[in-house]
Amino acid sequence: MTEQLPVEATTARAYTLTIWGIALGILVFASGVVAWALAVGNAQLFKDGVDWVYDVALYGIAAIVFGRDARAERLAAMAIGAVMA
């Protein structure tokens, strides 16, 4: 196992907020894409917009797991593998 380096609390908080912000930004963007696709009746654009949910899920998992122990990281890796499968 690799040794975890200590992370200053303010740095960890800033990183976590940044990851959540990215996830929220992707969610807002994807919602706009889906809304536009529905408005113009474009099925491919709708599919593309809905596919962004995977990115939101992956960033959410990263934000939740950051700073946790190795067991949590392994469980997150399994969850990410399931999402990507």
N, C-alpha and C. Protein backbone atom coordinates (compact mmCIF):
# COMPACT_ATOMS: atom_id res chain seq x y z
N MET A 1 0.84 -1.18 0.00
CA MET A 1 0.00 0.00 0.00
C MET A 1 0.89 1.25 0.00
N THR A 2 0.38 2.29 -0.56
CA THR A 2 1.11 3.54 -0.56
C THR A 2 0.75 4.34 0.68
N GLU A 3 1.71 5.07 1.16
CA GLU A 3 1.50 5.88 2.35
C GLU A 3 0.79 7.17 1.95
N GLN A 4 -0.22 7.54 2.72
CA GLN A 4 -0.93 8.77 2.44
C GLN A 4 -0.19 9.95 3.05
N LEU A 5 -0.02 10.99 2.27
CA LEU A 5 0.61 12.19 2.77
C LEU A 5 -0.46 13.07 3.41
N PRO A 6 -0.14 13.71 4.51
CA PRO A 6 -1.14 14.57 5.15
C PRO A 6 -1.46 15.77 4.26
N VAL A 7 -2.72 16.13 4.24
CA VAL A 7 -3.17 17.27 3.45
C VAL A 7 -3.73 18.30 4.42
N GLU A 8 -3.30 19.53 4.26
CA GLU A 8 -3.81 20.61 5.12
C GLU A 8 -5.32 20.73 4.94
N ALA A 9 -6.02 21.00 6.02
CA ALA A 9 -7.49 21.02 6.00
C ALA A 9 -8.04 22.03 5.01
N THR A 10 -7.44 23.20 4.92
CA THR A 10 -7.97 24.20 3.98
C THR A 10 -7.75 23.78 2.54
N THR A 11 -6.62 23.13 2.27
CA THR A 11 -6.35 22.63 0.92
C THR A 11 -7.33 21.52 0.56
N ALA A 12 -7.56 20.61 1.50
CA ALA A 12 -8.50 19.52 1.26
C ALA A 12 -9.90 20.06 1.01
N ARG A 13 -10.31 21.04 1.79
CA ARG A 13 -11.64 21.64 1.62
C ARG A 13 -11.75 22.33 0.26
N ALA A 14 -10.73 23.06 -0.13
CA ALA A 14 -10.74 23.74 -1.42
C ALA A 14 -10.81 22.73 -2.56
N TYR A 15 -10.06 21.65 -2.45
CA TYR A 15 -10.08 20.61 -3.49
C TYR A 15 -11.47 19.99 -3.60
N THR A 16 -12.05 19.63 -2.45
CA THR A 16 -13.37 19.02 -2.45
C THR A 16 -14.42 19.96 -3.04
N LEU A 17 -14.37 21.23 -2.66
CA LEU A 17 -15.32 22.20 -3.22
C LEU A 17 -15.12 22.37 -4.72
N THR A 18 -13.88 22.33 -5.17
CA THR A 18 -13.61 22.43 -6.60
C THR A 18 -14.20 21.25 -7.36
N ILE A 19 -14.02 20.06 -6.82
CA ILE A 19 -14.56 18.86 -7.47
C ILE A 19 -16.08 18.93 -7.51
N TRP A 20 -16.71 19.33 -6.40
CA TRP A 20 -18.18 19.47 -6.39
C TRP A 20 -18.61 20.55 -7.38
N GLY A 21 -17.84 21.63 -7.48
CA GLY A 21 -18.17 22.69 -8.43
C GLY A 21 -18.11 22.20 -9.87
N ILE A 22 -17.11 21.39 -10.18
CA ILE A 22 -17.00 20.82 -11.52
C ILE A 22 -18.20 19.93 -11.81
N ALA A 23 -18.55 19.08 -10.84
CA ALA A 23 -19.71 18.19 -11.01
C ALA A 23 -20.98 19.00 -11.23
N LEU A 24 -21.16 20.06 -10.45
CA LEU A 24 -22.35 20.91 -10.61
C LEU A 24 -22.35 21.61 -11.96
N GLY A 25 -21.19 22.10 -12.38
CA GLY A 25 -21.09 22.75 -13.69
C GLY A 25 -21.45 21.81 -14.83
N ILE A 26 -20.96 20.58 -14.75
CA ILE A 26 -21.29 19.59 -15.78
C ILE A 26 -22.78 19.29 -15.76
N LEU A 27 -23.36 19.17 -14.56
CA LEU A 27 -24.79 18.89 -14.44
C LEU A 27 -25.62 20.02 -15.05
N VAL A 28 -25.25 21.26 -14.79
CA VAL A 28 -25.98 22.40 -15.36
C VAL A 28 -25.85 22.40 -16.88
N PHE A 29 -24.63 22.18 -17.37
CA PHE A 29 -24.41 22.14 -18.81
C PHE A 29 -25.22 21.03 -19.46
N ALA A 30 -25.16 19.84 -18.87
CA ALA A 30 -25.89 18.69 -19.42
C ALA A 30 -27.39 18.94 -19.41
N SER A 31 -27.88 19.57 -18.36
CA SER A 31 -29.31 19.88 -18.30
C SER A 31 -29.71 20.82 -19.43
N GLY A 32 -28.86 21.79 -19.72
CA GLY A 32 -29.12 22.68 -20.84
C GLY A 32 -29.11 21.96 -22.18
N VAL A 33 -28.17 21.06 -22.34
CA VAL A 33 -28.10 20.27 -23.58
C VAL A 33 -29.35 19.43 -23.75
N VAL A 34 -29.78 18.76 -22.67
CA VAL A 34 -30.98 17.92 -22.73
C VAL A 34 -32.21 18.78 -23.02
N ALA A 35 -32.32 19.93 -22.36
CA ALA A 35 -33.47 20.81 -22.60
C ALA A 35 -33.50 21.27 -24.06
N TRP A 36 -32.34 21.65 -24.59
CA TRP A 36 -32.28 22.10 -25.98
C TRP A 36 -32.63 20.94 -26.93
N ALA A 37 -32.10 19.77 -26.65
CA ALA A 37 -32.39 18.60 -27.49
C ALA A 37 -33.88 18.30 -27.51
N LEU A 38 -34.52 18.39 -26.36
CA LEU A 38 -35.97 18.16 -26.31
C LEU A 38 -36.72 19.25 -27.08
N ALA A 39 -36.24 20.48 -26.98
CA ALA A 39 -36.91 21.60 -27.65
C ALA A 39 -36.84 21.47 -29.17
N VAL A 40 -35.70 20.99 -29.68
CA VAL A 40 -35.55 20.90 -31.13
C VAL A 40 -35.83 19.50 -31.66
N GLY A 41 -36.06 18.54 -30.75
CA GLY A 41 -36.38 17.18 -31.18
C GLY A 41 -35.20 16.40 -31.72
N ASN A 42 -34.02 16.63 -31.17
CA ASN A 42 -32.81 15.95 -31.65
C ASN A 42 -32.46 14.80 -30.70
N ALA A 43 -32.69 13.57 -31.12
CA ALA A 43 -32.47 12.40 -30.27
C ALA A 43 -30.99 12.18 -29.96
N GLN A 44 -30.11 12.42 -30.92
CA GLN A 44 -28.68 12.22 -30.69
C GLN A 44 -28.14 13.23 -29.68
N LEU A 45 -28.56 14.47 -29.79
CA LEU A 45 -28.13 15.49 -28.83
C LEU A 45 -28.67 15.16 -27.43
N PHE A 46 -29.89 14.64 -27.37
CA PHE A 46 -30.47 14.22 -26.09
C PHE A 46 -29.61 13.13 -25.46
N LYS A 47 -29.23 12.13 -26.26
CA LYS A 47 -28.38 11.05 -25.76
C LYS A 47 -27.04 11.59 -25.27
N ASP A 48 -26.45 12.50 -26.03
CA ASP A 48 -25.18 13.09 -25.62
C ASP A 48 -25.32 13.83 -24.29
N GLY A 49 -26.40 14.57 -24.13
CA GLY A 49 -26.63 15.29 -22.88
C GLY A 49 -26.81 14.37 -21.70
N VAL A 50 -27.56 13.30 -21.90
CA VAL A 50 -27.79 12.34 -20.82
C VAL A 50 -26.50 11.60 -20.46
N ASP A 51 -25.63 11.38 -21.42
CA ASP A 51 -24.37 10.68 -21.16
C ASP A 51 -23.46 11.44 -20.19
N TRP A 52 -23.68 12.74 -20.02
CA TRP A 52 -22.87 13.52 -19.08
C TRP A 52 -23.09 13.09 -17.64
N VAL A 53 -24.18 12.35 -17.37
CA VAL A 53 -24.46 11.91 -16.00
C VAL A 53 -23.32 11.05 -15.46
N TYR A 54 -22.63 10.32 -16.32
CA TYR A 54 -21.51 9.50 -15.87
C TYR A 54 -20.39 10.38 -15.31
N ASP A 55 -20.12 11.49 -15.98
CA ASP A 55 -19.09 12.40 -15.49
C ASP A 55 -19.48 12.99 -14.14
N VAL A 56 -20.74 13.37 -14.02
CA VAL A 56 -21.22 13.91 -12.74
C VAL A 56 -21.05 12.87 -11.64
N ALA A 57 -21.40 11.62 -11.93
CA ALA A 57 -21.26 10.55 -10.93
C ALA A 57 -19.80 10.33 -10.55
N LEU A 58 -18.91 10.33 -11.53
CA LEU A 58 -17.49 10.09 -11.24
C LEU A 58 -16.89 11.22 -10.42
N TYR A 59 -17.21 12.48 -10.77
CA TYR A 59 -16.71 13.60 -9.97
C TYR A 59 -17.31 13.58 -8.57
N GLY A 60 -18.56 13.19 -8.44
CA GLY A 60 -19.19 13.07 -7.13
C GLY A 60 -18.50 12.03 -6.27
N ILE A 61 -18.19 10.90 -6.86
CA ILE A 61 -17.48 9.84 -6.13
C ILE A 61 -16.11 10.35 -5.69
N ALA A 62 -15.41 11.04 -6.57
CA ALA A 62 -14.09 11.57 -6.23
C ALA A 62 -14.17 12.55 -5.06
N ALA A 63 -15.18 13.40 -5.06
CA ALA A 63 -15.34 14.38 -3.99
C ALA A 63 -15.67 13.70 -2.66
N ILE A 64 -16.49 12.68 -2.72
CA ILE A 64 -16.89 11.97 -1.49
C ILE A 64 -15.72 11.20 -0.90
N VAL A 65 -14.90 10.59 -1.75
CA VAL A 65 -13.84 9.69 -1.29
C VAL A 65 -12.57 10.43 -0.89
N PHE A 66 -12.36 11.62 -1.42
CA PHE A 66 -11.10 12.32 -1.16
C PHE A 66 -10.86 12.47 0.35
N GLY A 67 -9.66 12.07 0.77
CA GLY A 67 -9.27 12.20 2.16
C GLY A 67 -9.69 11.04 3.04
N ARG A 68 -10.37 10.07 2.49
CA ARG A 68 -10.79 8.90 3.26
C ARG A 68 -9.65 7.88 3.30
N ASP A 69 -9.91 6.75 3.90
CA ASP A 69 -8.88 5.72 4.03
C ASP A 69 -8.79 4.86 2.76
N ALA A 70 -7.84 3.93 2.77
CA ALA A 70 -7.59 3.08 1.60
C ALA A 70 -8.80 2.20 1.28
N ARG A 71 -9.52 1.76 2.30
CA ARG A 71 -10.71 0.93 2.07
C ARG A 71 -11.75 1.70 1.26
N ALA A 72 -11.97 2.95 1.62
CA ALA A 72 -12.94 3.78 0.90
C ALA A 72 -12.49 3.98 -0.54
N GLU A 73 -11.19 4.15 -0.74
CA GLU A 73 -10.68 4.31 -2.10
C GLU A 73 -10.89 3.05 -2.93
N ARG A 74 -10.69 1.89 -2.32
CA ARG A 74 -10.93 0.63 -3.04
C ARG A 74 -12.40 0.48 -3.40
N LEU A 75 -13.29 0.80 -2.46
CA LEU A 75 -14.72 0.72 -2.75
C LEU A 75 -15.11 1.70 -3.85
N ALA A 76 -14.50 2.88 -3.82
CA ALA A 76 -14.78 3.87 -4.87
C ALA A 76 -14.29 3.37 -6.22
N ALA A 77 -13.13 2.72 -6.23
CA ALA A 77 -12.62 2.16 -7.49
C ALA A 77 -13.58 1.12 -8.04
N MET A 78 -14.16 0.32 -7.16
CA MET A 78 -15.15 -0.67 -7.61
C MET A 78 -16.40 0.03 -8.16
N ALA A 79 -16.84 1.08 -7.50
CA ALA A 79 -18.02 1.82 -7.96
C ALA A 79 -17.74 2.48 -9.31
N ILE A 80 -16.56 3.05 -9.45
CA ILE A 80 -16.20 3.68 -10.72
C ILE A 80 -16.13 2.63 -11.83
N GLY A 81 -15.58 1.48 -11.52
CA GLY A 81 -15.55 0.38 -12.49
C GLY A 81 -16.94 -0.04 -12.91
N ALA A 82 -17.86 -0.07 -11.95
CA ALA A 82 -19.25 -0.43 -12.27
C ALA A 82 -19.90 0.62 -13.16
N VAL A 83 -19.62 1.89 -12.88
CA VAL A 83 -20.19 2.97 -13.71
C VAL A 83 -19.64 2.90 -15.13
N MET A 84 -18.37 2.61 -15.24
CA MET A 84 -17.74 2.59 -16.56
C MET A 84 -18.04 1.31 -17.35
N ALA A 85 -18.49 0.27 -16.68
CA ALA A 85 -18.74 -1.01 -17.36
C ALA A 85 -19.97 -1.01 -18.21
